[in-house]
């Protein structure tokens, strides 16, 4: 799960206990995370918010198993989403 103070938190599915926490960005600069993380192809994708406070949002990708930062992308244009048939 993510938190308003820009953290990613992993919980034990059976007990609900916190397994680990990772600070994604500095909330004092205006960053927050308001959406649930998404698992894709072995990575966890997290969108950082904060444009209402003057910071640029970003998309972070972390490795699912160890939560190590593997990439960050900031864009001037919105990300184009491509949806396939379900």
PDB file of N, CA and C in Angstrom:
ATOM      1  N   UNK A   1       0.839  -1.171   0.000  1.00  0.00           N
ATOM      2  CA  UNK A   1       0.000   0.000   0.000  1.00  0.00           C
ATOM      3  C   UNK A   1       0.885   1.235   0.000  1.00  0.00           C
ATOM      4  N   UNK A   2       0.298   2.362  -0.354  1.00  0.00           N
ATOM      5  CA  UNK A   2       1.035   3.629  -0.351  1.00  0.00           C
ATOM      6  C   UNK A   2       0.404   4.567   0.672  1.00  0.00           C
ATOM      7  N   UNK A   3       1.151   5.617   1.017  1.00  0.00           N
ATOM      8  CA  UNK A   3       0.682   6.556   2.033  1.00  0.00           C
ATOM      9  C   UNK A   3       0.770   7.988   1.518  1.00  0.00           C
ATOM     10  N   UNK A   4       0.031   8.882   2.138  1.00  0.00           N
ATOM     11  CA  UNK A   4       0.049  10.290   1.749  1.00  0.00           C
ATOM     12  C   UNK A   4       1.405  10.938   1.960  1.00  0.00           C
ATOM     13  N   UNK A   5       2.216  10.384   2.875  1.00  0.00           N
ATOM     14  CA  UNK A   5       3.554  10.938   3.082  1.00  0.00           C
ATOM     15  C   UNK A   5       4.601  10.235   2.207  1.00  0.00           C
ATOM     16  N   UNK A   6       4.147   9.728   1.048  1.00  0.00           N
ATOM     17  CA  UNK A   6       5.006   9.201  -0.026  1.00  0.00           C
ATOM     18  C   UNK A   6       5.825   7.979   0.374  1.00  0.00           C
ATOM     19  N   UNK A   7       5.188   7.019   1.027  1.00  0.00           N
ATOM     20  CA  UNK A   7       5.850   5.758   1.368  1.00  0.00           C
ATOM     21  C   UNK A   7       5.141   4.597   0.684  1.00  0.00           C
ATOM     22  N   UNK A   8       5.915   3.563   0.392  1.00  0.00           N
ATOM     23  CA  UNK A   8       5.385   2.288  -0.071  1.00  0.00           C
ATOM     24  C   UNK A   8       5.547   1.320   1.093  1.00  0.00           C
ATOM     25  N   UNK A   9       4.470   0.633   1.464  1.00  0.00           N
ATOM     26  CA  UNK A   9       4.482  -0.264   2.627  1.00  0.00           C
ATOM     27  C   UNK A   9       4.044  -1.651   2.177  1.00  0.00           C
ATOM     28  N   UNK A  10       4.846  -2.646   2.503  1.00  0.00           N
ATOM     29  CA  UNK A  10       4.490  -4.041   2.211  1.00  0.00           C
ATOM     30  C   UNK A  10       3.926  -4.667   3.479  1.00  0.00           C
ATOM     31  N   UNK A  11       2.786  -5.322   3.334  1.00  0.00           N
ATOM     32  CA  UNK A  11       2.130  -5.957   4.471  1.00  0.00           C
ATOM     33  C   UNK A  11       2.108  -7.469   4.288  1.00  0.00           C
ATOM     34  N   UNK A  12       2.165  -8.186   5.397  1.00  0.00           N
ATOM     35  CA  UNK A  12       1.990  -9.630   5.380  1.00  0.00           C
ATOM     36  C   UNK A  12       0.515  -9.910   5.104  1.00  0.00           C
ATOM     37  N   UNK A  13       0.236 -10.708   4.086  1.00  0.00           N
ATOM     38  CA  UNK A  13      -1.147 -10.954   3.674  1.00  0.00           C
ATOM     39  C   UNK A  13      -1.962 -11.673   4.736  1.00  0.00           C
ATOM     40  N   UNK A  14      -1.336 -12.496   5.534  1.00  0.00           N
ATOM     41  CA  UNK A  14      -2.068 -13.254   6.555  1.00  0.00           C
ATOM     42  C   UNK A  14      -2.283 -12.474   7.837  1.00  0.00           C
ATOM     43  N   UNK A  15      -1.253 -11.738   8.284  1.00  0.00           N
ATOM     44  CA  UNK A  15      -1.337 -11.081   9.586  1.00  0.00           C
ATOM     45  C   UNK A  15      -1.595  -9.583   9.512  1.00  0.00           C
ATOM     46  N   UNK A  16      -1.291  -8.978   8.364  1.00  0.00           N
ATOM     47  CA  UNK A  16      -1.421  -7.528   8.247  1.00  0.00           C
ATOM     48  C   UNK A  16      -0.239  -6.770   8.826  1.00  0.00           C
ATOM     49  N   UNK A  17       0.771  -7.492   9.321  1.00  0.00           N
ATOM     50  CA  UNK A  17       1.952  -6.850   9.897  1.00  0.00           C
ATOM     51  C   UNK A  17       2.801  -6.213   8.799  1.00  0.00           C
ATOM     52  N   UNK A  18       3.453  -5.113   9.130  1.00  0.00           N
ATOM     53  CA  UNK A  18       4.333  -4.439   8.180  1.00  0.00           C
ATOM     54  C   UNK A  18       5.583  -5.292   7.976  1.00  0.00           C
ATOM     55  N   UNK A  19       5.891  -5.592   6.709  1.00  0.00           N
ATOM     56  CA  UNK A  19       7.085  -6.363   6.365  1.00  0.00           C
ATOM     57  C   UNK A  19       8.247  -5.412   6.104  1.00  0.00           C
ATOM     58  N   UNK A  20       8.019  -4.345   5.337  1.00  0.00           N
ATOM     59  CA  UNK A  20       9.008  -3.303   5.102  1.00  0.00           C
ATOM     60  C   UNK A  20       8.317  -2.030   4.647  1.00  0.00           C
ATOM     61  N   UNK A  21       9.047  -0.911   4.753  1.00  0.00           N
ATOM     62  CA  UNK A  21       8.596   0.410   4.295  1.00  0.00           C
ATOM     63  C   UNK A  21       9.695   1.024   3.457  1.00  0.00           C
ATOM     64  N   UNK A  22       9.308   1.783   2.440  1.00  0.00           N
ATOM     65  CA  UNK A  22      10.294   2.496   1.622  1.00  0.00           C
ATOM     66  C   UNK A  22       9.794   3.908   1.366  1.00  0.00           C
ATOM     67  N   UNK A  23      10.617   4.892   1.703  1.00  0.00           N
ATOM     68  CA  UNK A  23      10.291   6.287   1.422  1.00  0.00           C
ATOM     69  C   UNK A  23      10.538   6.530  -0.062  1.00  0.00           C
ATOM     70  N   UNK A  24       9.525   6.991  -0.793  1.00  0.00           N
ATOM     71  CA  UNK A  24       9.623   7.172  -2.237  1.00  0.00           C
ATOM     72  C   UNK A  24      10.030   8.576  -2.643  1.00  0.00           C
ATOM     73  N   UNK A  25       9.640   9.560  -1.855  1.00  0.00           N
ATOM     74  CA  UNK A  25       9.940  10.963  -2.158  1.00  0.00           C
ATOM     75  C   UNK A  25       9.778  11.772  -0.875  1.00  0.00           C
ATOM     76  N   UNK A  26      10.177  13.015  -0.928  1.00  0.00           N
ATOM     77  CA  UNK A  26      10.129  13.881   0.249  1.00  0.00           C
ATOM     78  C   UNK A  26       8.771  14.577   0.350  1.00  0.00           C
ATOM     79  N   UNK A  27       7.952  14.202   1.341  1.00  0.00           N
ATOM     80  CA  UNK A  27       6.645  14.845   1.476  1.00  0.00           C
ATOM     81  C   UNK A  27       6.747  16.326   1.860  1.00  0.00           C
ATOM     82  N   UNK A  28       7.856  16.743   2.458  1.00  0.00           N
ATOM     83  CA  UNK A  28       8.026  18.149   2.814  1.00  0.00           C
ATOM     84  C   UNK A  28       8.192  19.039   1.578  1.00  0.00           C
ATOM     85  N   UNK A  29       8.553  18.432   0.451  1.00  0.00           N
ATOM     86  CA  UNK A  29       8.651  19.175  -0.810  1.00  0.00           C
ATOM     87  C   UNK A  29       7.318  19.184  -1.557  1.00  0.00           C
ATOM     88  N   UNK A  30       6.320  18.442  -1.045  1.00  0.00           N
ATOM     89  CA  UNK A  30       4.995  18.437  -1.655  1.00  0.00           C
ATOM     90  C   UNK A  30       4.592  17.133  -2.298  1.00  0.00           C
ATOM     91  N   UNK A  31       5.466  16.125  -2.279  1.00  0.00           N
ATOM     92  CA  UNK A  31       5.137  14.840  -2.896  1.00  0.00           C
ATOM     93  C   UNK A  31       4.180  14.030  -2.022  1.00  0.00           C
ATOM     94  N   UNK A  32       3.326  13.271  -2.681  1.00  0.00           N
ATOM     95  CA  UNK A  32       2.440  12.330  -1.990  1.00  0.00           C
ATOM     96  C   UNK A  32       2.151  11.175  -2.947  1.00  0.00           C
ATOM     97  N   UNK A  33       1.562  10.121  -2.416  1.00  0.00           N
ATOM     98  CA  UNK A  33       1.120   8.999  -3.237  1.00  0.00           C
ATOM     99  C   UNK A  33      -0.316   8.710  -2.822  1.00  0.00           C
ATOM    100  N   UNK A  34      -1.242   8.822  -3.773  1.00  0.00           N
ATOM    101  CA  UNK A  34      -2.654   8.656  -3.436  1.00  0.00           C
ATOM    102  C   UNK A  34      -3.295   7.456  -4.115  1.00  0.00           C
ATOM    103  N   UNK A  35      -2.562   6.782  -4.985  1.00  0.00           N
ATOM    104  CA  UNK A  35      -3.119   5.628  -5.697  1.00  0.00           C
ATOM    105  C   UNK A  35      -2.436   4.344  -5.230  1.00  0.00           C
ATOM    106  N   UNK A  36      -3.131   3.252  -5.404  1.00  0.00           N
ATOM    107  CA  UNK A  36      -2.563   1.951  -5.040  1.00  0.00           C
ATOM    108  C   UNK A  36      -1.424   1.593  -5.992  1.00  0.00           C
ATOM    109  N   UNK A  37      -0.409   0.894  -5.497  1.00  0.00           N
ATOM    110  CA  UNK A  37       0.656   0.426  -6.382  1.00  0.00           C
ATOM    111  C   UNK A  37       0.120  -0.635  -7.339  1.00  0.00           C
ATOM    112  N   UNK A  38       0.760  -0.759  -8.491  1.00  0.00           N
ATOM    113  CA  UNK A  38       0.354  -1.725  -9.507  1.00  0.00           C
ATOM    114  C   UNK A  38       1.520  -2.640  -9.828  1.00  0.00           C
ATOM    115  N   UNK A  39       1.288  -3.958  -9.810  1.00  0.00           N
ATOM    116  CA  UNK A  39       2.333  -4.936 -10.138  1.00  0.00           C
ATOM    117  C   UNK A  39       2.274  -5.252 -11.625  1.00  0.00           C
ATOM    118  N   UNK A  40       3.407  -5.070 -12.322  1.00  0.00           N
ATOM    119  CA  UNK A  40       3.506  -5.349 -13.759  1.00  0.00           C
ATOM    120  C   UNK A  40       4.874  -5.942 -14.052  1.00  0.00           C
ATOM    121  N   UNK A  41       4.886  -7.135 -14.619  1.00  0.00           N
ATOM    122  CA  UNK A  41       6.118  -7.742 -15.124  1.00  0.00           C
ATOM    123  C   UNK A  41       7.252  -7.739 -14.093  1.00  0.00           C
ATOM    124  N   UNK A  42       6.961  -8.146 -12.871  1.00  0.00           N
ATOM    125  CA  UNK A  42       7.982  -8.247 -11.834  1.00  0.00           C
ATOM    126  C   UNK A  42       8.366  -6.941 -11.173  1.00  0.00           C
ATOM    127  N   UNK A  43       7.672  -5.861 -11.499  1.00  0.00           N
ATOM    128  CA  UNK A  43       7.962  -4.569 -10.892  1.00  0.00           C
ATOM    129  C   UNK A  43       6.710  -4.012 -10.240  1.00  0.00           C
ATOM    130  N   UNK A  44       6.914  -3.114  -9.294  1.00  0.00           N
ATOM    131  CA  UNK A  44       5.823  -2.381  -8.665  1.00  0.00           C
ATOM    132  C   UNK A  44       5.877  -0.959  -9.207  1.00  0.00           C
ATOM    133  N   UNK A  45       4.784  -0.510  -9.817  1.00  0.00           N
ATOM    134  CA  UNK A  45       4.713   0.849 -10.370  1.00  0.00           C
ATOM    135  C   UNK A  45       3.958   1.743  -9.399  1.00  0.00           C
ATOM    136  N   UNK A  46       4.533   2.909  -9.135  1.00  0.00           N
ATOM    137  CA  UNK A  46       3.931   3.862  -8.219  1.00  0.00           C
ATOM    138  C   UNK A  46       3.985   5.239  -8.861  1.00  0.00           C
ATOM    139  N   UNK A  47       2.863   5.939  -8.851  1.00  0.00           N
ATOM    140  CA  UNK A  47       2.824   7.300  -9.369  1.00  0.00           C
ATOM    141  C   UNK A  47       2.910   8.294  -8.229  1.00  0.00           C
ATOM    142  N   UNK A  48       3.894   9.187  -8.296  1.00  0.00           N
ATOM    143  CA  UNK A  48       4.040  10.251  -7.296  1.00  0.00           C
ATOM    144  C   UNK A  48       3.216  11.451  -7.730  1.00  0.00           C
ATOM    145  N   UNK A  49       2.494  12.024  -6.803  1.00  0.00           N
ATOM    146  CA  UNK A  49       1.668  13.199  -7.070  1.00  0.00           C
ATOM    147  C   UNK A  49       2.285  14.411  -6.383  1.00  0.00           C
ATOM    148  N   UNK A  50       1.758  15.574  -6.673  1.00  0.00           N
ATOM    149  CA  UNK A  50       2.210  16.770  -5.990  1.00  0.00           C
ATOM    150  C   UNK A  50       2.156  18.034  -6.827  1.00  0.00           C
ATOM    151  N   UNK A  51       1.591  17.952  -8.039  1.00  0.00           N
ATOM    152  CA  UNK A  51       1.560  19.131  -8.910  1.00  0.00           C
ATOM    153  C   UNK A  51       0.820  20.296  -8.263  1.00  0.00           C
ATOM    154  N   UNK A  52      -0.153  19.992  -7.426  1.00  0.00           N
ATOM    155  CA  UNK A  52      -0.885  21.073  -6.756  1.00  0.00           C
ATOM    156  C   UNK A  52       0.002  21.831  -5.769  1.00  0.00           C
ATOM    157  N   UNK A  53       1.175  21.263  -5.433  1.00  0.00           N
ATOM    158  CA  UNK A  53       2.127  21.925  -4.528  1.00  0.00           C
ATOM    159  C   UNK A  53       3.390  22.369  -5.255  1.00  0.00           C
ATOM    160  N   UNK A  54       3.360  22.354  -6.592  1.00  0.00           N
ATOM    161  CA  UNK A  54       4.478  22.884  -7.355  1.00  0.00           C
ATOM    162  C   UNK A  54       5.591  21.903  -7.680  1.00  0.00           C
ATOM    163  N   UNK A  55       5.409  20.617  -7.433  1.00  0.00           N
ATOM    164  CA  UNK A  55       6.417  19.624  -7.812  1.00  0.00           C
ATOM    165  C   UNK A  55       5.900  18.808  -8.987  1.00  0.00           C
ATOM    166  N   UNK A  56       6.805  18.224  -9.761  1.00  0.00           N
ATOM    167  CA  UNK A  56       6.412  17.399 -10.905  1.00  0.00           C
ATOM    168  C   UNK A  56       6.178  15.978 -10.449  1.00  0.00           C
ATOM    169  N   UNK A  57       5.077  15.417 -10.889  1.00  0.00           N
ATOM    170  CA  UNK A  57       4.799  14.022 -10.601  1.00  0.00           C
ATOM    171  C   UNK A  57       5.795  13.128 -11.307  1.00  0.00           C
ATOM    172  N   UNK A  58       5.838  11.872 -10.891  1.00  0.00           N
ATOM    173  CA  UNK A  58       6.760  10.922 -11.499  1.00  0.00           C
ATOM    174  C   UNK A  58       6.175   9.535 -11.403  1.00  0.00           C
ATOM    175  N   UNK A  59       6.679   8.660 -12.240  1.00  0.00           N
ATOM    176  CA  UNK A  59       6.329   7.247 -12.185  1.00  0.00           C
ATOM    177  C   UNK A  59       7.575   6.496 -11.758  1.00  0.00           C
ATOM    178  N   UNK A  60       7.480   5.752 -10.665  1.00  0.00           N
ATOM    179  CA  UNK A  60       8.611   4.966 -10.182  1.00  0.00           C
ATOM    180  C   UNK A  60       8.333   3.497 -10.408  1.00  0.00           C
ATOM    181  N   UNK A  61       9.372   2.755 -10.712  1.00  0.00           N
ATOM    182  CA  UNK A  61       9.281   1.307 -10.854  1.00  0.00           C
ATOM    183  C   UNK A  61      10.264   0.680  -9.889  1.00  0.00           C
ATOM    184  N   UNK A  62       9.772  -0.204  -9.030  1.00  0.00           N
ATOM    185  CA  UNK A  62      10.622  -0.882  -8.067  1.00  0.00           C
ATOM    186  C   UNK A  62      10.537  -2.385  -8.296  1.00  0.00           C
ATOM    187  N   UNK A  63      11.616  -3.085  -8.056  1.00  0.00           N
ATOM    188  CA  UNK A  63      11.606  -4.538  -8.174  1.00  0.00           C
ATOM    189  C   UNK A  63      10.687  -5.098  -7.099  1.00  0.00           C
ATOM    190  N   UNK A  64       9.820  -6.020  -7.466  1.00  0.00           N
ATOM    191  CA  UNK A  64       8.826  -6.543  -6.543  1.00  0.00           C
ATOM    192  C   UNK A  64       9.452  -7.276  -5.354  1.00  0.00           C
ATOM    193  N   UNK A  65      10.474  -8.078  -5.584  1.00  0.00           N
ATOM    194  CA  UNK A  65      11.008  -8.930  -4.519  1.00  0.00           C
ATOM    195  C   UNK A  65      11.792  -8.161  -3.475  1.00  0.00           C
ATOM    196  N   UNK A  66      12.529  -7.142  -3.874  1.00  0.00           N
ATOM    197  CA  UNK A  66      13.398  -6.456  -2.923  1.00  0.00           C
ATOM    198  C   UNK A  66      13.123  -4.975  -2.791  1.00  0.00           C
ATOM    199  N   UNK A  67      12.182  -4.462  -3.551  1.00  0.00           N
ATOM    200  CA  UNK A  67      11.785  -3.046  -3.497  1.00  0.00           C
ATOM    201  C   UNK A  67      12.964  -2.107  -3.724  1.00  0.00           C
ATOM    202  N   UNK A  68      13.852  -2.473  -4.641  1.00  0.00           N
ATOM    203  CA  UNK A  68      14.949  -1.581  -5.008  1.00  0.00           C
ATOM    204  C   UNK A  68      14.509  -0.702  -6.164  1.00  0.00           C
ATOM    205  N   UNK A  69      14.902   0.534  -6.144  1.00  0.00           N
ATOM    206  CA  UNK A  69      14.538   1.460  -7.221  1.00  0.00           C
ATOM    207  C   UNK A  69      15.166   0.966  -8.517  1.00  0.00           C
ATOM    208  N   UNK A  70      14.338   0.821  -9.548  1.00  0.00           N
ATOM    209  CA  UNK A  70      14.887   0.412 -10.834  1.00  0.00           C
ATOM    210  C   UNK A  70      14.678   1.457 -11.910  1.00  0.00           C
ATOM    211  N   UNK A  71      13.897   2.474 -11.642  1.00  0.00           N
ATOM    212  CA  UNK A  71      13.720   3.513 -12.650  1.00  0.00           C
ATOM    213  C   UNK A  71      12.752   4.585 -12.199  1.00  0.00           C
ATOM    214  N   UNK A  72      12.841   5.737 -12.842  1.00  0.00           N
ATOM    215  CA  UNK A  72      11.928   6.846 -12.564  1.00  0.00           C
ATOM    216  C   UNK A  72      11.749   7.608 -13.856  1.00  0.00           C
ATOM    217  N   UNK A  73      10.541   8.026 -14.103  1.00  0.00           N
ATOM    218  CA  UNK A  73      10.266   8.765 -15.322  1.00  0.00           C
ATOM    219  C   UNK A  73       9.428   9.988 -14.990  1.00  0.00           C
ATOM    220  N   UNK A  74       9.868  11.148 -15.474  1.00  0.00           N
ATOM    221  CA  UNK A  74       9.038  12.354 -15.407  1.00  0.00           C
ATOM    222  C   UNK A  74       8.804  12.796 -16.837  1.00  0.00           C
ATOM    223  N   UNK A  75       7.607  13.241 -17.109  1.00  0.00           N
ATOM    224  CA  UNK A  75       7.260  13.633 -18.475  1.00  0.00           C
ATOM    225  C   UNK A  75       6.545  14.966 -18.453  1.00  0.00           C
ATOM    226  N   UNK A  76       6.714  15.721 -19.516  1.00  0.00           N
ATOM    227  CA  UNK A  76       5.980  16.976 -19.656  1.00  0.00           C
ATOM    228  C   UNK A  76       4.580  16.732 -20.185  1.00  0.00           C
ATOM    229  N   UNK A  77       4.398  15.641 -20.924  1.00  0.00           N
ATOM    230  CA  UNK A  77       3.094  15.296 -21.486  1.00  0.00           C
ATOM    231  C   UNK A  77       2.517  14.115 -20.715  1.00  0.00           C
ATOM    232  N   UNK A  78       1.212  13.963 -20.700  1.00  0.00           N
ATOM    233  CA  UNK A  78       0.607  12.801 -20.038  1.00  0.00           C
ATOM    234  C   UNK A  78       1.065  11.498 -20.682  1.00  0.00           C
ATOM    235  N   UNK A  79       1.145  10.459 -19.890  1.00  0.00           N
ATOM    236  CA  UNK A  79       1.492   9.137 -20.396  1.00  0.00           C
ATOM    237  C   UNK A  79       0.301   8.581 -21.171  1.00  0.00           C
ATOM    238  N   UNK A  80       0.534   8.107 -22.378  1.00  0.00           N
ATOM    239  CA  UNK A  80      -0.528   7.532 -23.198  1.00  0.00           C
ATOM    240  C   UNK A  80      -0.728   6.081 -22.768  1.00  0.00           C
ATOM    241  N   UNK A  81      -1.907   5.749 -22.364  1.00  0.00           N
ATOM    242  CA  UNK A  81      -2.217   4.389 -21.953  1.00  0.00           C
ATOM    243  C   UNK A  81      -2.777   3.614 -23.134  1.00  0.00           C
ATOM    244  N   UNK A  82      -2.281   2.413 -23.323  1.00  0.00           N
ATOM    245  CA  UNK A  82      -2.751   1.555 -24.395  1.00  0.00           C
ATOM    246  C   UNK A  82      -3.446   0.362 -23.762  1.00  0.00           C
ATOM    247  N   UNK A  83      -4.692   0.154 -24.085  1.00  0.00           N
ATOM    248  CA  UNK A  83      -5.472  -0.949 -23.521  1.00  0.00           C
ATOM    249  C   UNK A  83      -5.741  -1.992 -24.589  1.00  0.00           C
ATOM    250  N   UNK A  84      -5.576  -3.251 -24.231  1.00  0.00           N
ATOM    251  CA  UNK A  84      -5.858  -4.321 -25.172  1.00  0.00           C
ATOM    252  C   UNK A  84      -7.257  -4.894 -24.937  1.00  0.00           C
ATOM    253  N   UNK A  85      -7.644  -5.826 -25.790  1.00  0.00           N
ATOM    254  CA  UNK A  85      -8.925  -6.498 -25.619  1.00  0.00           C
ATOM    255  C   UNK A  85      -8.870  -7.411 -24.399  1.00  0.00           C
ATOM    256  N   UNK A  86      -9.968  -7.493 -23.687  1.00  0.00           N
ATOM    257  CA  UNK A  86     -10.008  -8.375 -22.518  1.00  0.00           C
ATOM    258  C   UNK A  86     -10.965  -9.506 -22.770  1.00  0.00           C
TER     259      UNK A  86
END
